[in-house]
Protein backbone atom coordinates (compact mmCIF):
# COMPACT_ATOMS: atom_id res chain seq x y z
CA UNK A 1 138.97 139.61 115.48
CA UNK A 2 136.25 139.37 118.18
CA UNK A 3 133.69 136.56 117.67
CA UNK A 4 132.28 136.46 121.18
CA UNK A 5 129.80 139.33 121.26
CA UNK A 6 126.05 139.32 120.67
CA UNK A 7 125.54 143.06 120.16
CA UNK A 8 127.83 145.76 118.83
CA UNK A 9 126.64 149.27 119.61
CA UNK A 10 128.16 152.22 117.76
CA UNK A 11 128.26 155.34 119.93
CA UNK A 12 128.36 155.95 123.68
CA UNK A 13 125.86 158.76 124.13
CA UNK A 14 122.42 158.43 125.71
CA UNK A 15 121.17 155.93 123.11
CA UNK A 16 124.29 153.80 123.11
CA UNK A 17 124.52 153.60 126.89
CA UNK A 18 120.81 152.85 127.17
CA UNK A 19 120.99 150.09 124.55
CA UNK A 20 124.06 148.44 126.02
CA UNK A 21 122.59 148.56 129.53
CA UNK A 22 119.37 146.95 128.31
CA UNK A 23 121.22 144.24 126.38
CA UNK A 24 123.32 143.39 129.44
CA UNK A 25 120.26 143.21 131.69
CA UNK A 26 118.69 140.78 129.20
CA UNK A 27 121.73 138.53 129.33
CA UNK A 28 123.34 139.45 126.01
CA UNK A 29 127.02 140.25 125.61
CA UNK A 30 127.62 143.76 124.30
CA UNK A 31 130.47 145.86 122.98
CA UNK A 32 130.22 149.63 122.54
CA UNK A 33 132.47 151.25 119.95
CA UNK A 34 133.14 154.95 120.61
CA UNK A 35 135.48 157.01 118.46
CA UNK A 36 136.12 159.60 121.20
CA UNK A 37 137.93 159.11 124.49
CA UNK A 38 134.94 159.45 126.77
CA UNK A 39 131.23 158.64 126.88
CA UNK A 40 128.62 161.34 126.53
CA UNK A 41 127.92 162.02 122.85
CA UNK A 42 126.71 165.59 122.34
CA UNK A 43 127.13 166.27 126.06
CA UNK A 44 130.80 165.39 125.81
CA UNK A 45 131.38 167.45 122.67
CA UNK A 46 129.35 170.62 123.30
CA UNK A 47 131.30 172.44 125.98
CA UNK A 48 130.67 175.98 124.77
CA UNK A 49 129.92 178.66 127.39
CA UNK A 50 126.37 178.37 128.67
CA UNK A 51 125.75 174.90 127.18
CA UNK A 52 122.62 173.46 128.77
CA UNK A 53 119.59 171.35 127.97
CA UNK A 54 116.29 172.89 126.89
CA UNK A 55 114.33 169.96 128.34
CA UNK A 56 113.93 169.75 132.14
CA UNK A 57 116.26 167.16 133.61
CA UNK A 58 113.40 165.33 135.33
CA UNK A 59 112.51 164.08 131.83
CA UNK A 60 115.94 164.33 130.20
CA UNK A 61 117.23 161.31 132.09
CA UNK A 62 116.66 157.57 131.96
CA UNK A 63 113.59 156.22 133.70
CA UNK A 64 115.73 153.32 134.99
CA UNK A 65 118.37 155.68 136.40
CA UNK A 66 116.66 158.61 138.15
CA UNK A 67 118.77 161.47 139.45
CA UNK A 68 117.21 163.29 142.41
CA UNK A 69 120.18 165.64 142.78
CA UNK A 70 119.96 167.78 139.64
CA UNK A 71 121.12 171.29 140.65
CA UNK A 72 118.75 173.09 138.30
CA UNK A 73 115.51 172.47 136.45
CA UNK A 74 117.42 172.72 133.16
CA UNK A 75 120.80 171.16 133.77
CA UNK A 76 124.03 172.31 132.23
CA UNK A 77 126.41 170.32 130.04
CA UNK A 78 128.79 169.32 132.83
CA UNK A 79 126.02 167.92 135.02
CA UNK A 80 124.46 165.91 132.18
CA UNK A 81 127.86 164.57 131.14
CA UNK A 82 128.59 163.53 134.72
CA UNK A 83 125.20 161.80 134.89
CA UNK A 84 125.98 159.78 131.75
CA UNK A 85 129.36 158.76 133.11
CA UNK A 86 127.70 157.59 136.32
CA UNK A 87 125.00 155.61 134.52
CA UNK A 88 127.58 153.98 132.23
CA UNK A 89 129.59 152.89 135.27
CA UNK A 90 126.69 151.74 137.44
CA UNK A 91 125.03 149.68 134.69
CA UNK A 92 128.25 147.87 133.79
CA UNK A 93 128.43 149.48 130.35
CA UNK A 94 131.67 151.41 130.90
CA UNK A 95 134.00 148.38 130.95
CA UNK A 96 132.47 147.29 127.65
CA UNK A 97 133.24 150.52 125.81
CA UNK A 98 136.18 150.58 123.41
CA UNK A 99 137.34 154.17 123.13
CA UNK A 100 139.20 155.51 120.11
CA UNK A 101 137.25 153.01 118.00
CA UNK A 102 136.03 154.85 114.90
CA UNK A 103 133.78 152.70 112.75
CA UNK A 104 134.31 153.14 109.00
CA UNK A 105 132.17 150.28 107.67
CA UNK A 106 129.92 147.39 108.58
CA UNK A 107 129.08 144.44 106.32
CA UNK A 108 126.45 141.76 106.81
CA UNK A 109 127.76 138.24 106.30
CA UNK A 110 124.57 136.43 105.31
CA UNK A 111 125.81 132.81 105.46
CA UNK A 112 127.19 133.39 108.96
CA UNK A 113 124.34 135.74 110.00
CA UNK A 114 126.91 138.11 111.44
CA UNK A 115 127.83 141.76 111.10
CA UNK A 116 131.51 142.47 110.48
CA UNK A 117 132.41 145.93 111.73
CA UNK A 118 135.66 147.51 110.58
CA UNK A 119 137.45 150.31 112.44
CA UNK A 120 139.63 153.07 111.07
CA UNK A 121 142.76 151.31 112.37
CA UNK A 122 141.84 148.11 110.52
CA UNK A 123 140.58 146.14 113.51
CA UNK A 124 137.40 144.12 113.01
CA UNK A 125 134.63 143.11 115.37
CA UNK A 126 131.93 140.54 114.64
CA UNK A 127 128.47 140.42 116.19
CA UNK A 128 125.05 138.92 115.64
CA UNK A 129 123.35 142.28 115.97
CA UNK A 130 124.46 145.78 115.04
CA UNK A 131 122.92 148.82 116.71
CA UNK A 132 123.85 152.32 115.60
CA UNK A 133 123.51 155.03 118.24
CA UNK A 134 125.37 157.95 116.68
CA UNK A 135 122.49 160.42 116.94
CA UNK A 136 121.34 163.14 114.58
CA UNK A 137 123.46 165.93 116.08
CA UNK A 138 126.97 164.53 116.04
CA UNK A 139 128.62 165.90 112.87
CA UNK A 140 129.07 169.71 112.76
CA UNK A 141 127.75 171.51 109.71
CA UNK A 142 130.27 174.20 108.77
CA UNK A 143 129.52 176.53 105.84
CA UNK A 144 132.15 176.49 103.12
CA UNK A 145 132.79 180.22 102.86
CA UNK A 146 135.41 181.33 100.33
CA UNK A 147 138.52 183.19 101.47
CA UNK A 148 139.04 181.24 104.69
CA UNK A 149 142.74 180.88 103.98
CA UNK A 150 143.13 184.67 103.94
CA UNK A 151 141.56 185.19 107.37
CA UNK A 152 144.27 185.28 110.06
CA UNK A 153 142.02 184.75 113.08
CA UNK A 154 140.70 181.63 114.79
CA UNK A 155 137.68 179.83 113.32
CA UNK A 156 135.79 177.00 115.04
CA UNK A 157 132.38 175.39 115.39
CA UNK A 158 130.51 175.76 118.65
CA UNK A 159 130.63 171.99 119.25
CA UNK A 160 134.43 172.11 118.99
CA UNK A 161 134.92 175.11 121.26
CA UNK A 162 138.47 176.47 121.45
CA UNK A 163 138.96 176.76 125.21
CA UNK A 164 142.58 177.79 124.77
CA UNK A 165 141.43 181.06 123.23
CA UNK A 166 140.61 183.93 125.59
CA UNK A 167 137.87 186.03 123.98
CA UNK A 168 138.42 188.96 126.34
CA UNK A 169 138.67 192.18 124.38
CA UNK A 170 138.28 190.49 120.99
CA UNK A 171 135.83 191.11 118.18
CA UNK A 172 133.84 187.91 117.70
CA UNK A 173 131.62 186.98 114.77
CA UNK A 174 128.90 184.40 115.39
CA UNK A 175 127.44 182.76 112.29
CA UNK A 176 123.99 181.37 113.04
CA UNK A 177 121.19 181.95 115.52
CA UNK A 178 120.21 178.41 116.48
CA UNK A 179 119.95 176.53 119.74
CA UNK A 180 123.66 176.76 120.54
CA UNK A 181 124.16 180.40 119.60
CA UNK A 182 121.33 181.63 121.81
CA UNK A 183 123.14 180.02 124.75
CA UNK A 184 126.72 181.10 124.16
CA UNK A 185 126.22 184.62 122.76
CA UNK A 186 124.89 185.97 126.09
CA UNK A 187 127.95 184.45 127.78
CA UNK A 188 130.70 185.65 125.45
CA UNK A 189 129.32 189.17 125.07
CA UNK A 190 130.22 189.67 128.74
CA UNK A 191 133.93 189.53 127.88
CA UNK A 192 134.26 190.25 124.16
CA UNK A 193 134.86 193.77 122.92
CA UNK A 194 132.20 193.27 120.27
CA UNK A 195 130.00 190.43 119.08
CA UNK A 196 128.59 190.48 115.55
CA UNK A 197 125.76 188.00 115.06
CA UNK A 198 124.95 186.93 111.50
CA UNK A 199 121.31 185.90 111.30
CA UNK A 200 119.90 184.12 108.27
CA UNK A 201 116.51 183.26 109.77
CA UNK A 202 115.34 184.39 113.22
CA UNK A 203 113.99 181.65 115.52
CA UNK A 204 110.90 181.67 117.71
CA UNK A 205 112.25 182.12 121.25
CA UNK A 206 110.03 181.75 124.30
CA UNK A 207 110.80 182.08 128.03
CA UNK A 208 112.77 179.33 129.76
CA UNK A 209 111.26 178.61 133.19
CA UNK A 210 114.60 177.71 134.72
CA UNK A 211 115.51 177.86 138.38
CA UNK A 212 118.04 176.47 140.84
CA UNK A 213 116.72 173.67 143.04
CA UNK A 214 116.71 174.10 146.79
CA UNK A 215 118.18 171.65 149.29
CA UNK A 216 114.67 170.98 150.58
CA UNK A 217 113.46 169.99 147.13
CA UNK A 218 116.45 167.71 146.56
CA UNK A 219 115.99 166.07 149.96
CA UNK A 220 112.30 165.46 149.21
CA UNK A 221 113.09 163.84 145.87
CA UNK A 222 115.72 161.61 147.44
CA UNK A 223 113.45 160.48 150.24
CA UNK A 224 110.14 160.32 148.36
CA UNK A 225 110.44 158.94 144.79
CA UNK A 226 106.76 159.62 143.94
CA UNK A 227 107.62 163.34 144.03
CA UNK A 228 110.13 162.74 141.23
CA UNK A 229 107.48 160.84 139.30
CA UNK A 230 105.06 163.75 139.55
CA UNK A 231 107.66 166.19 138.23
CA UNK A 232 108.52 163.85 135.39
CA UNK A 233 104.87 163.36 134.43
CA UNK A 234 104.13 167.08 134.53
CA UNK A 235 107.04 167.84 132.24
CA UNK A 236 105.97 165.03 129.88
CA UNK A 237 102.48 166.56 129.56
CA UNK A 238 103.97 169.97 128.80
CA UNK A 239 106.16 168.40 126.13
CA UNK A 240 103.15 166.70 124.55
CA UNK A 241 101.38 170.06 124.47
CA UNK A 242 104.24 171.66 122.56
CA UNK A 243 104.44 168.70 120.17
CA UNK A 244 100.70 168.96 119.50
CA UNK A 245 101.12 172.67 118.79
CA UNK A 246 103.42 171.75 115.90
CA UNK A 247 101.78 168.61 114.58
CA UNK A 248 98.05 168.57 115.19
CA UNK A 249 96.37 171.39 117.12
CA UNK A 250 96.64 174.87 115.52
CA UNK A 251 95.13 176.52 118.60
CA UNK A 252 98.07 175.30 120.68
CA UNK A 253 100.44 176.74 118.06
CA UNK A 254 98.76 180.12 118.37
CA UNK A 255 99.32 180.02 122.13
CA UNK A 256 103.04 179.37 121.62
CA UNK A 257 103.21 182.16 119.06
CA UNK A 258 101.50 184.57 121.47
CA UNK A 259 104.08 183.66 124.13
CA UNK A 260 106.85 184.40 121.63
CA UNK A 261 105.51 187.84 120.69
CA UNK A 262 104.95 188.80 124.34
CA UNK A 263 108.47 187.67 125.24
CA UNK A 264 109.97 189.60 122.33
CA UNK A 265 108.04 192.78 123.12
CA UNK A 266 109.00 192.68 126.79
CA UNK A 267 112.71 192.15 126.15
CA UNK A 268 113.35 194.16 122.96
CA UNK A 269 112.09 197.75 123.20
CA UNK A 270 113.57 198.91 119.88
CA UNK A 271 110.88 198.45 117.17
CA UNK A 272 113.42 198.10 114.36
CA UNK A 273 115.40 195.39 116.15
CA UNK A 274 112.20 193.69 117.20
CA UNK A 275 110.99 193.57 113.60
CA UNK A 276 114.26 191.96 112.53
CA UNK A 277 113.72 189.19 115.09
CA UNK A 278 110.27 188.11 113.89
CA UNK A 279 110.42 184.84 111.90
CA UNK A 280 108.80 184.60 108.48
CA UNK A 281 107.67 181.01 109.08
CA UNK A 282 104.94 179.42 111.24
CA UNK A 283 105.78 178.57 114.81
CA UNK A 284 107.30 175.11 115.02
CA UNK A 285 108.38 174.93 111.39
CA UNK A 286 111.88 175.37 112.73
CA UNK A 287 112.97 174.46 116.22
CA UNK A 288 111.30 176.52 118.96
CA UNK A 289 113.98 177.78 121.36
CA UNK A 290 113.98 178.66 125.05
CA UNK A 291 115.97 181.52 126.55
CA UNK A 292 115.66 184.39 129.00
CA UNK A 293 118.98 185.98 127.98
CA UNK A 294 119.10 185.87 124.17
CA UNK A 295 117.06 188.98 123.47
CA UNK A 296 118.69 191.07 126.23
CA UNK A 297 122.08 190.09 124.76
CA UNK A 298 121.05 191.38 121.33
CA UNK A 299 120.10 194.72 122.86
CA UNK A 300 123.54 195.13 124.45
CA UNK A 301 125.76 198.00 123.33
CA UNK A 302 128.52 195.63 122.21
CA UNK A 303 126.33 193.27 120.15
CA UNK A 304 125.37 193.88 116.53
CA UNK A 305 122.75 191.88 114.65
CA UNK A 306 123.44 191.49 110.92
CA UNK A 307 120.44 190.23 108.97
CA UNK A 308 122.40 189.77 105.75
CA UNK A 309 124.09 186.34 105.75
CA UNK A 310 127.86 185.95 105.83
CA UNK A 311 129.08 184.88 102.38
CA UNK A 312 132.89 185.12 102.47
CA UNK A 313 135.95 185.61 104.62
CA UNK A 314 138.20 188.62 104.06
CA UNK A 315 141.68 189.33 105.42
CA UNK A 316 139.98 191.46 108.10
CA UNK A 317 136.83 189.48 108.88
CA UNK A 318 133.60 188.50 107.13
CA UNK A 319 131.65 189.96 104.23
CA UNK A 320 127.87 189.78 104.27
CA UNK A 321 125.64 189.38 101.23
CA UNK A 322 124.89 193.11 101.18
CA UNK A 323 128.58 193.79 100.44
CA UNK A 324 129.52 195.11 103.89
CA UNK A 325 132.80 193.96 105.42
CA UNK A 326 132.70 193.27 109.16
CA UNK A 327 136.14 193.39 110.86
CA UNK A 328 136.47 190.59 113.44
CA UNK A 329 139.21 188.66 115.22
CA UNK A 330 137.43 185.34 115.72
CA UNK A 331 134.65 183.47 113.89
CA UNK A 332 132.42 180.99 115.72
CA UNK A 333 130.07 178.85 113.64
CA UNK A 334 126.83 178.19 115.48
CA UNK A 335 125.51 176.49 112.37
CA UNK A 336 124.21 173.22 113.72
CA UNK A 337 124.79 169.73 112.45
CA UNK A 338 124.47 167.52 109.38
CA UNK A 339 121.34 166.05 110.92
CA UNK A 340 119.86 164.50 107.77
CA UNK A 341 123.03 162.57 106.83
CA UNK A 342 122.21 159.56 108.97
CA UNK A 343 125.15 157.25 109.75
CA UNK A 344 127.50 159.11 107.38
CA UNK A 345 130.36 158.74 106.72
CA UNK A 346 130.14 155.06 107.71
CA UNK A 347 129.49 152.56 104.91
CA UNK A 348 126.80 150.04 105.85
CA UNK A 349 126.28 147.08 103.50
CA UNK A 350 123.42 144.63 103.95
CA UNK A 351 122.31 141.56 102.04
CA UNK A 352 123.96 141.07 98.64
CA UNK A 353 126.27 144.01 99.34
CA UNK A 354 123.48 146.60 99.14
CA UNK A 355 124.66 149.97 100.48
CA UNK A 356 122.46 151.80 102.93
CA UNK A 357 123.61 155.16 101.51
CA UNK A 358 122.18 154.13 98.11
CA UNK A 359 118.86 153.14 99.68
CA UNK A 360 118.75 156.52 101.38
CA UNK A 361 119.90 158.61 98.45
CA UNK A 362 116.68 160.65 98.38
CA UNK A 363 116.32 160.70 102.16
CA UNK A 364 116.67 158.25 105.04
CA UNK A 365 113.73 156.04 106.01
CA UNK A 366 113.22 153.12 108.37
CA UNK A 367 110.30 151.24 109.85
CA UNK A 368 109.53 152.91 113.18
CA UNK A 369 112.83 154.71 112.57
CA UNK A 370 114.58 151.47 113.51
CA UNK A 371 114.79 148.79 110.81
CA UNK A 372 115.47 148.77 107.07
CA UNK A 373 114.56 146.07 104.52
CA UNK A 374 117.63 144.28 103.20
CA UNK A 375 119.62 144.90 106.39
CA UNK A 376 118.94 142.02 108.77
CA UNK A 377 119.79 142.39 112.45
CA UNK A 378 120.54 146.12 112.02
CA UNK A 379 118.82 148.61 114.30
CA UNK A 380 119.10 152.39 114.08
CA UNK A 381 118.46 154.25 117.35
CA UNK A 382 117.29 157.87 117.07
CA UNK A 383 116.90 157.06 113.40
CA UNK A 384 114.87 158.63 110.58
CA UNK A 385 111.61 160.31 111.60
CA UNK A 386 112.08 159.87 115.35
CA UNK A 387 113.17 163.39 116.30
CA UNK A 388 110.77 165.55 118.32
CA UNK A 389 109.78 169.17 118.25
CA UNK A 390 108.55 169.53 121.79
CA UNK A 391 109.45 166.69 124.15
CA UNK A 392 112.45 164.80 125.49
CA UNK A 393 114.20 162.64 122.91
CA UNK A 394 114.79 160.09 125.65
CA UNK A 395 111.06 159.46 125.53
CA UNK A 396 111.69 158.10 122.03
CA UNK A 397 115.02 156.40 122.68
CA UNK A 398 113.88 154.32 125.65
CA UNK A 399 110.98 152.72 123.73
CA UNK A 400 113.36 152.01 120.85
CA UNK A 401 115.79 150.29 123.18
CA UNK A 402 112.96 148.25 124.68
CA UNK A 403 111.68 147.28 121.23
CA UNK A 404 115.11 146.10 120.06
CA UNK A 405 115.77 144.17 123.26
CA UNK A 406 112.38 142.45 123.08
CA UNK A 407 113.02 141.39 119.49
CA UNK A 408 116.44 140.00 120.42
CA UNK A 409 114.89 138.07 123.29
CA UNK A 410 112.24 136.61 120.99
CA UNK A 411 114.89 135.49 118.52
CA UNK A 412 116.88 133.85 121.31
CA UNK A 413 113.81 132.05 122.66
CA UNK A 414 112.90 130.63 119.24
CA UNK A 415 116.41 129.86 118.02
CA UNK A 416 116.29 132.45 115.22
CA UNK A 417 119.42 133.86 113.59
CA UNK A 418 118.09 136.76 111.52
CA UNK A 419 115.29 139.34 111.58
CA UNK A 420 114.59 141.61 108.62
CA UNK A 421 111.63 143.96 108.35
CA UNK A 422 109.36 143.17 105.40
CA UNK A 423 109.56 145.74 102.56
CA UNK A 424 105.78 146.14 102.35
CA UNK A 425 105.63 146.91 106.08
CA UNK A 426 108.39 149.50 105.86
CA UNK A 427 106.87 151.09 102.74
CA UNK A 428 103.43 151.38 104.30
CA UNK A 429 104.88 152.99 107.40
CA UNK A 430 106.90 155.44 105.32
CA UNK A 431 103.87 156.49 103.25
CA UNK A 432 101.87 157.07 106.42
CA UNK A 433 104.60 159.12 108.08
CA UNK A 434 105.28 161.32 105.06
CA UNK A 435 101.55 161.93 104.50
CA UNK A 436 101.09 163.00 108.10
CA UNK A 437 104.23 165.16 108.08
CA UNK A 438 102.87 167.02 105.08
CA UNK A 439 100.09 168.37 107.30
CA UNK A 440 102.40 169.65 110.04
CA UNK A 441 104.18 172.97 110.54
CA UNK A 442 107.43 171.30 109.45
CA UNK A 443 106.18 171.16 105.85
CA UNK A 444 105.83 174.95 105.61
CA UNK A 445 109.46 176.07 105.41
CA UNK A 446 112.99 174.91 104.74
CA UNK A 447 114.82 173.58 107.78
CA UNK A 448 117.41 171.08 108.95
CA UNK A 449 114.59 168.56 109.27
CA UNK A 450 114.40 168.20 105.48
CA UNK A 451 116.68 167.02 102.67
CA UNK A 452 117.24 168.92 99.44
CA UNK A 453 114.24 167.38 97.70
CA UNK A 454 111.94 168.52 100.51
CA UNK A 455 111.43 165.18 102.22
CA UNK A 456 111.19 165.47 106.02
CA UNK A 457 113.55 162.80 107.35
CA UNK A 458 114.12 163.84 110.96
CA UNK A 459 110.81 164.25 112.73
CA UNK A 460 108.06 162.03 114.08
CA UNK A 461 104.60 163.26 112.95
CA UNK A 462 102.76 162.43 116.16
CA UNK A 463 103.16 162.57 119.88
CA UNK A 464 105.32 160.50 122.18
CA UNK A 465 102.45 158.45 123.59
CA UNK A 466 101.64 157.14 120.11
CA UNK A 467 105.22 156.15 119.37
CA UNK A 468 105.50 154.40 122.72
CA UNK A 469 102.32 152.45 121.95
CA UNK A 470 103.54 151.42 118.49
CA UNK A 471 106.90 150.23 119.83
CA UNK A 472 105.55 148.57 122.96
CA UNK A 473 106.29 145.13 121.48
CA UNK A 474 107.66 143.94 118.13
CA UNK A 475 105.03 142.46 115.84
CA UNK A 476 106.49 139.21 114.46
CA UNK A 477 104.31 139.59 111.36
CA UNK A 478 106.44 142.61 110.39
CA UNK A 479 109.61 140.52 110.00
CA UNK A 480 111.16 137.78 107.97
CA UNK A 481 113.00 135.50 110.36
CA UNK A 482 115.74 133.05 109.48
CA UNK A 483 116.91 129.91 111.28
CA UNK A 484 120.35 128.27 111.44
C-alpha cells in the first residue's frame, strides 16, 4: 500500500501528463497509473496507416512545452507520440508513471479523506486527490454482428491495428466512415486487391490544408518564439470559427457546408456516388472531418462504397442489410469509441458508498466537466460536456489542469482536507449546458455525442474562450470544504 502520494492520476495521455506535470510544479507528489506499457493514450494506441491529427500541431501541443520542430502542419501519430514521450521525460512525469497498472475501482474513505485505488492485480494506492484522465476516445466500440465465429478471416478495430497482417492482395471490408476510416482507407487501398467500405451515415468532409514544413520555417520558429505564438493564435481563431459554426452562428455553418459541397464536387465526378456521400444531417451535427484523399480513394477502381449497413458475418464475408453478401478476407472496424461511457468499466464510489455509474445512469454530468457532488477530491479531466467540435481539445484540458491545481493549492494554503462541489451549483450548471446544447447543431441528429435517451453528454455548448474564462480560478463558493 502507498500512503505517500498527494495526487493519483489515472491515464498517461495528454491530460494525465499535463496534470501530473502541473501537480509536480506546484510541489505536490504525484503517481500516474497507466494500464498500458507506454505513455501516449490515443496516440500510443492508434497506429493504423495514415493516422494523424486533424488539428494543426501548433495548437495540438502544450503551451508550456512548445515544439518548433514539427515536420508537418498536421502531424502524424508517430511524431505526436514522440512529443508526449519527450514531455513526460522532461517534466519529470515519466519516473512517476506505473505501467501495467489497470485501475478497476476507487473508493473514497471519508474519515481519512483519502481515495483508495485498487488495481486489477490487487495492489492498492492511497491518495488525497484522485484525477481521472482516461479520455473519451479510449475504449473501442465494436459492433456485435452475428456469425463472427463462422468468418475465417482476421477481424480487428482500427485502434488495435494488426500490423502482423499484410493486406497486399487481400479483399478488405471497412465498417464505418468516421475520422479513422477516412485516414486509413486511402492508405490500404494502395495495396489491397479490393476495399469494400460500409457506410451507415456519410460525414461532412472538407479540405485539409496540410503541408510539410521547410527547414527555413523550422529554423525561424526555433530562433524566434513569437513566430510560433502567431501560428498558434491564428489556428486558435480558426478553431473558434468552426466551433461557432456549430454552436452559435448559422452563417458560419453555411460557409462550412459550402466548402463541403465544393470539395465533394471537385473530387467526385460521378453524380450517383456524389449523391451517396451527401449527409442527411446539418453540418456539425456529427464530427466535421478533414481530408484531401478520402473522396479520391472512394472513386478508385478497387474501392466499393456500400450504403447498406453491415448486419452479419458469413463464412465468406459480410452481409449488408439489403441482403447482399460481400466476400472479403479481412474486416476492419472503423467504428469509433464508447465515448459516452465515461470512466467505464472502473467502479468509482464516493461518500456513503455512492456509485458514480448510478449517478450517471441517464448520462454523465459534472460541474465544468470536472467535479461531481458526493465525490470529494475527485476531478475528471476531459469529462462530460468538455469535448469540442472545432478546436484543439488541449485548449480545454490545459484550463482544467490549471483549475484543479489552483484548487489543490488553495486547500493546502488553508489546511483543508476535502473539496466537494455543491449540488445546487452542479445542477444549475447542468441545466444551463443542456439548454444551450439544445440550440446547437448537435441536437439535430443521432451521434456519438449523445446517450440513448438523447442527452448530449460529450460536447461543450460554447467556445474555448468562454470555458477558459469560467475555469480561470476556482470559486470557493462553489464548494463545501472540510478540515481535519
